[in-house]
């Protein structure tokens, strides 16, 4: 059976109406060469019953795969659940087969509009044809932070400084399936495992990080990392030591202090100040992308 171009992985546990809303945002896409893989941690709130009532939902071991596949098992958290779902992927490509791309869409997060997958597919296919490559890559765009009420632009060029402090949100990233299969989330990180995975793919796998001028998802905001900023920063500092030399980290630490990083984080998180702040940030990134 031909692989779908996109695999959308959704992890859930007692998500209420959020699970159905997230799945609906995928099924509204005008580009339809995708499958949805839902990994649920044995929900008891009726969310799975509502999902089954709305859609024809299959199981991972079905001989005739459905577009929406549900896996139910216990797990130790979101990253573990993502790893369980990703273990069902197949990194091998048949002769002449194009790679498939994996996107993690959390319950409560939605595709920004019905043409996101269409636009991303075109960008990927056009680039592969133009450059004659099928090497593993990460394609990433922007997100809309619903809690702050503004678009959050991703850095259009990935370099050491961008990787030090500002990699794109995983709700903005489409990973080549081969990267996900070879690079599961490191479960010792409770908040920043997606950050470490991005850096591992970028530095060790030498994957291209390709920016797309697309607002990919509406991000619910206020998640675990936002609620645990101290843990998040501790993990970030631990992770970056694996990928950048100490001298470069000291240089970037200094730049972070003199550019008032803490103040800028507070401004970007405030509903009143986030819109003008992100407008300025978006303009700066737009200029950087043109260079």
Protein backbone atom coordinates (compact mmCIF):
# COMPACT_ATOMS: atom_id res chain seq x y z
CA UNK A 1 0.00 0.00 0.00
CA UNK A 2 1.29 3.47 -0.90
CA UNK A 3 2.38 5.60 2.02
CA UNK A 4 0.36 8.75 2.61
CA UNK A 5 2.34 11.93 2.12
CA UNK A 6 1.58 13.12 5.66
CA UNK A 7 1.13 11.26 8.94
CA UNK A 8 -0.54 13.44 11.58
CA UNK A 9 0.12 12.12 15.08
CA UNK A 10 -2.26 13.20 17.84
CA UNK A 11 -1.71 12.10 21.43
CA UNK A 12 -4.55 12.35 23.91
CA UNK A 13 -5.68 11.50 27.41
CA UNK A 14 -9.06 12.61 28.74
CA UNK A 15 -8.98 15.47 26.26
CA UNK A 16 -12.73 16.08 26.24
CA UNK A 17 -13.97 17.88 23.13
CA UNK A 18 -10.44 18.92 22.18
CA UNK A 19 -9.67 15.55 20.55
CA UNK A 20 -12.61 15.76 18.18
CA UNK A 21 -11.92 19.42 17.35
CA UNK A 22 -8.29 18.66 16.55
CA UNK A 23 -9.22 15.72 14.31
CA UNK A 24 -11.86 17.86 12.58
CA UNK A 25 -9.24 20.49 11.78
CA UNK A 26 -7.25 17.82 9.95
CA UNK A 27 -10.25 16.43 8.11
CA UNK A 28 -11.12 19.90 6.81
CA UNK A 29 -7.89 19.97 4.82
CA UNK A 30 -8.26 20.34 1.04
CA UNK A 31 -5.17 18.16 0.54
CA UNK A 32 -6.23 14.63 1.45
CA UNK A 33 -3.16 12.40 1.09
CA UNK A 34 -2.74 11.97 4.85
CA UNK A 35 -3.52 9.63 7.70
CA UNK A 36 -4.23 10.45 11.34
CA UNK A 37 -2.59 8.29 14.00
CA UNK A 38 -4.11 8.84 17.44
CA UNK A 39 -2.30 7.50 20.51
CA UNK A 40 -4.62 7.61 23.53
CA UNK A 41 -3.56 6.88 27.10
CA UNK A 42 -6.75 4.94 28.01
CA UNK A 43 -9.13 7.88 28.34
CA UNK A 44 -12.21 7.50 30.53
CA UNK A 45 -13.96 10.82 29.79
CA UNK A 46 -15.99 9.74 26.75
CA UNK A 47 -13.73 11.52 24.24
CA UNK A 48 -13.03 8.29 22.34
CA UNK A 49 -16.71 7.41 22.17
CA UNK A 50 -17.45 10.82 20.66
CA UNK A 51 -14.63 10.31 18.15
CA UNK A 52 -15.96 6.89 17.08
CA UNK A 53 -19.47 8.28 16.76
CA UNK A 54 -18.22 10.97 14.36
CA UNK A 55 -15.69 8.99 12.29
CA UNK A 56 -14.84 5.54 11.00
CA UNK A 57 -11.90 4.78 13.29
CA UNK A 58 -9.62 1.80 12.72
CA UNK A 59 -7.01 -0.01 14.78
CA UNK A 60 -3.29 -0.23 14.19
CA UNK A 61 -3.48 -3.97 13.43
CA UNK A 62 -6.33 -3.73 10.88
CA UNK A 63 -5.55 -5.44 7.58
CA UNK A 64 -7.50 -2.72 5.78
CA UNK A 65 -6.08 0.51 7.28
CA UNK A 66 -8.48 3.37 7.92
CA UNK A 67 -7.58 7.02 7.45
CA UNK A 68 -7.98 7.50 11.21
CA UNK A 69 -6.18 4.91 13.32
CA UNK A 70 -6.50 4.68 17.10
CA UNK A 71 -3.99 3.10 19.47
CA UNK A 72 -4.98 2.69 23.12
CA UNK A 73 -2.35 1.93 25.76
CA UNK A 74 -0.95 3.32 28.98
CA UNK A 75 2.04 5.63 28.76
CA UNK A 76 4.17 7.81 31.02
CA UNK A 77 3.40 11.14 29.37
CA UNK A 78 3.19 13.06 26.12
CA UNK A 79 6.70 12.31 24.82
CA UNK A 80 6.38 8.61 25.64
CA UNK A 81 3.02 8.55 23.85
CA UNK A 82 4.58 10.23 20.81
CA UNK A 83 7.35 7.61 20.77
CA UNK A 84 4.81 4.78 20.90
CA UNK A 85 2.96 6.26 17.93
CA UNK A 86 6.18 6.93 16.01
CA UNK A 87 7.28 3.31 16.51
CA UNK A 88 4.52 2.35 14.06
CA UNK A 89 6.18 4.31 11.26
CA UNK A 90 8.42 2.76 8.62
CA UNK A 91 11.55 4.63 7.57
CA UNK A 92 12.30 2.41 4.57
CA UNK A 93 11.57 3.81 1.12
CA UNK A 94 10.73 1.62 -1.84
CA UNK A 95 12.42 2.30 -5.17
CA UNK A 96 10.95 5.50 -6.59
CA UNK A 97 8.95 6.22 -3.44
CA UNK A 98 8.93 9.72 -1.98
CA UNK A 99 9.45 10.23 1.75
CA UNK A 100 6.48 10.71 4.03
CA UNK A 101 6.31 13.57 6.53
CA UNK A 102 5.26 13.44 10.17
CA UNK A 103 3.50 16.20 12.06
CA UNK A 104 2.64 16.17 15.76
CA UNK A 105 -0.63 18.01 16.47
CA UNK A 106 -1.52 18.21 20.15
CA UNK A 107 -5.09 17.95 21.37
CA UNK A 108 -6.49 21.48 21.47
CA UNK A 109 -4.21 22.68 18.67
CA UNK A 110 -5.65 23.13 15.17
CA UNK A 111 -4.40 23.63 11.64
CA UNK A 112 -4.62 27.36 11.00
CA UNK A 113 -6.79 26.95 7.89
CA UNK A 114 -8.00 24.27 5.49
CA UNK A 115 -5.13 24.75 3.02
CA UNK A 116 -2.14 24.18 5.30
CA UNK A 117 -1.33 20.67 4.06
CA UNK A 118 -1.88 21.74 0.44
CA UNK A 119 0.58 24.62 0.83
CA UNK A 120 3.17 22.56 2.71
CA UNK A 121 2.95 19.72 0.17
CA UNK A 122 3.60 22.14 -2.69
CA UNK A 123 6.62 23.67 -0.97
CA UNK A 124 8.15 20.26 -0.24
CA UNK A 125 7.54 18.83 -3.71
CA UNK A 126 8.75 21.98 -5.49
CA UNK A 127 11.95 22.06 -3.44
CA UNK A 128 12.70 18.38 -3.96
CA UNK A 129 12.18 18.75 -7.72
CA UNK A 130 14.18 21.97 -7.91
CA UNK A 131 17.13 20.63 -5.93
CA UNK A 132 16.84 17.01 -7.04
CA UNK A 133 16.99 15.68 -3.49
CA UNK A 134 15.06 13.33 -1.24
CA UNK A 135 17.48 13.66 1.68
CA UNK A 136 15.77 13.89 5.08
CA UNK A 137 14.73 17.42 6.01
CA UNK A 138 12.63 19.34 8.52
CA UNK A 139 10.16 21.81 7.01
CA UNK A 140 8.91 24.41 9.46
CA UNK A 141 6.64 27.44 9.42
CA UNK A 142 5.03 29.84 11.90
CA UNK A 143 2.30 29.36 14.50
CA UNK A 144 -0.51 31.47 15.95
CA UNK A 145 -0.42 31.58 19.76
CA UNK A 146 -4.04 31.68 20.87
CA UNK A 147 -3.18 32.47 24.50
CA UNK A 148 -1.24 35.59 23.44
CA UNK A 149 -3.48 36.40 20.46
CA UNK A 150 -0.67 36.86 17.94
CA UNK A 151 1.34 35.15 15.23
CA UNK A 152 4.70 33.83 16.37
CA UNK A 153 7.21 33.82 13.53
CA UNK A 154 9.96 31.21 13.36
CA UNK A 155 13.52 32.17 12.57
CA UNK A 156 13.86 31.84 8.77
CA UNK A 157 17.49 30.74 9.02
CA UNK A 158 18.73 28.02 11.35
CA UNK A 159 22.24 28.63 12.63
CA UNK A 160 24.00 28.08 15.95
CA UNK A 161 22.45 31.14 17.60
CA UNK A 162 18.96 30.20 16.44
CA UNK A 163 19.49 26.68 17.79
CA UNK A 164 20.81 28.11 21.06
CA UNK A 165 17.55 29.82 21.93
CA UNK A 166 14.89 29.90 19.23
CA UNK A 167 14.12 26.69 17.36
CA UNK A 168 10.60 26.48 15.88
CA UNK A 169 7.78 25.04 17.94
CA UNK A 170 7.10 21.38 17.17
CA UNK A 171 3.57 22.49 16.16
CA UNK A 172 5.27 24.20 13.21
CA UNK A 173 7.52 21.31 12.09
CA UNK A 174 7.04 18.61 9.48
CA UNK A 175 9.72 15.93 9.88
CA UNK A 176 10.84 13.46 7.26
CA UNK A 177 9.57 10.11 8.56
CA UNK A 178 13.10 8.68 8.50
CA UNK A 179 14.26 11.28 11.01
CA UNK A 180 11.44 10.49 13.42
CA UNK A 181 12.08 6.74 13.18
CA UNK A 182 15.78 7.14 13.94
CA UNK A 183 15.42 9.86 16.59
CA UNK A 184 12.78 9.15 19.24
CA UNK A 185 12.22 11.69 21.99
CA UNK A 186 14.67 11.38 24.90
CA UNK A 187 12.37 10.69 27.83
CA UNK A 188 14.75 12.04 30.46
CA UNK A 189 13.57 15.49 29.34
CA UNK A 190 10.11 16.29 30.70
CA UNK A 191 9.60 19.67 28.97
CA UNK A 192 12.21 20.09 26.24
CA UNK A 193 12.44 16.67 24.56
CA UNK A 194 11.18 18.17 21.29
CA UNK A 195 13.96 20.78 21.44
CA UNK A 196 16.60 18.08 21.90
CA UNK A 197 15.13 16.04 19.06
CA UNK A 198 15.27 19.02 16.69
CA UNK A 199 18.92 19.69 17.54
CA UNK A 200 19.83 16.01 17.19
CA UNK A 201 18.30 15.89 13.71
CA UNK A 202 19.91 19.20 12.72
CA UNK A 203 23.43 18.60 14.05
CA UNK A 204 23.91 14.83 14.04
CA UNK A 205 21.69 13.82 11.14
CA UNK A 206 22.71 16.94 9.18
CA UNK A 207 19.07 17.42 8.20
CA UNK A 208 18.22 20.58 6.30
CA UNK A 209 15.89 22.91 8.21
CA UNK A 210 13.74 24.60 5.58
CA UNK A 211 11.58 27.60 6.48
CA UNK A 212 8.11 27.91 4.93
CA UNK A 213 6.15 31.22 4.99
CA UNK A 214 3.06 29.39 6.24
CA UNK A 215 1.15 29.80 9.51
CA UNK A 216 0.83 26.10 10.24
CA UNK A 217 -1.14 25.78 13.45
CA UNK A 218 -3.18 27.64 16.00
CA UNK A 219 -1.39 26.75 19.21
CA UNK A 220 -3.55 26.63 22.33
CA UNK A 221 -0.74 27.98 24.54
CA UNK A 222 -0.28 27.77 28.28
CA UNK A 223 1.03 24.20 28.07
CA UNK A 224 3.36 22.26 30.33
CA UNK A 225 6.52 24.11 29.26
CA UNK A 226 4.90 27.51 29.86
CA UNK A 227 3.82 26.35 33.31
CA UNK A 228 7.28 25.01 34.17
CA UNK A 229 9.65 27.71 32.96
CA UNK A 230 12.37 26.83 35.51
CA UNK A 231 12.48 23.18 34.41
CA UNK A 232 12.32 24.28 30.79
CA UNK A 233 15.36 26.55 31.16
CA UNK A 234 17.33 23.94 33.11
CA UNK A 235 16.71 21.37 30.39
CA UNK A 236 17.54 23.84 27.62
CA UNK A 237 20.92 24.59 29.19
CA UNK A 238 21.66 20.90 29.62
CA UNK A 239 20.68 20.10 26.04
CA UNK A 240 22.60 22.87 24.32
CA UNK A 241 25.85 21.70 25.95
CA UNK A 242 25.61 18.54 23.84
CA UNK A 243 25.57 20.45 20.57
CA UNK A 244 27.54 23.70 20.96
CA UNK A 245 31.05 24.32 22.35
CA UNK A 246 31.36 26.01 25.75
CA UNK A 247 32.93 29.15 24.30
CA UNK A 248 30.06 29.74 21.93
CA UNK A 249 27.52 29.14 24.68
CA UNK A 250 29.24 31.76 26.89
CA UNK A 251 29.13 34.23 24.01
CA UNK A 252 25.42 33.61 23.43
CA UNK A 253 24.70 33.76 27.18
CA UNK A 254 26.21 37.25 27.21
CA UNK A 255 24.18 38.33 24.17
CA UNK A 256 21.06 37.00 25.83
CA UNK A 257 21.68 39.14 28.91
CA UNK A 258 22.47 42.38 27.07
CA UNK A 259 19.44 41.98 24.79
CA UNK A 260 17.14 41.67 27.84
CA UNK A 261 15.91 38.18 27.02
CA UNK A 262 13.90 37.81 30.24
CA UNK A 263 12.04 41.07 29.64
CA UNK A 264 11.32 40.15 26.02
CA UNK A 265 9.90 36.79 27.12
CA UNK A 266 7.56 38.53 29.55
CA UNK A 267 6.44 41.01 26.86
CA UNK A 268 5.83 38.26 24.31
CA UNK A 269 3.70 36.30 26.81
CA UNK A 270 1.44 39.21 27.73
CA UNK A 271 -1.80 39.57 25.76
CA UNK A 272 -1.53 43.36 25.66
CA UNK A 273 2.10 43.60 24.55
CA UNK A 274 2.50 40.38 22.54
CA UNK A 275 0.87 41.68 19.35
CA UNK A 276 3.18 44.70 18.81
CA UNK A 277 6.19 42.69 20.03
CA UNK A 278 5.56 39.87 17.60
CA UNK A 279 4.87 42.36 14.80
CA UNK A 280 8.37 43.78 15.27
CA UNK A 281 9.86 40.28 15.54
CA UNK A 282 8.05 39.17 12.39
CA UNK A 283 9.39 42.18 10.48
CA UNK A 284 12.95 41.45 11.61
CA UNK A 285 12.68 37.80 10.57
CA UNK A 286 11.18 38.82 7.22
CA UNK A 287 14.22 41.02 6.53
CA UNK A 288 16.56 38.26 7.65
CA UNK A 289 14.86 35.79 5.35
CA UNK A 290 15.49 38.04 2.33
CA UNK A 291 19.24 38.23 2.93
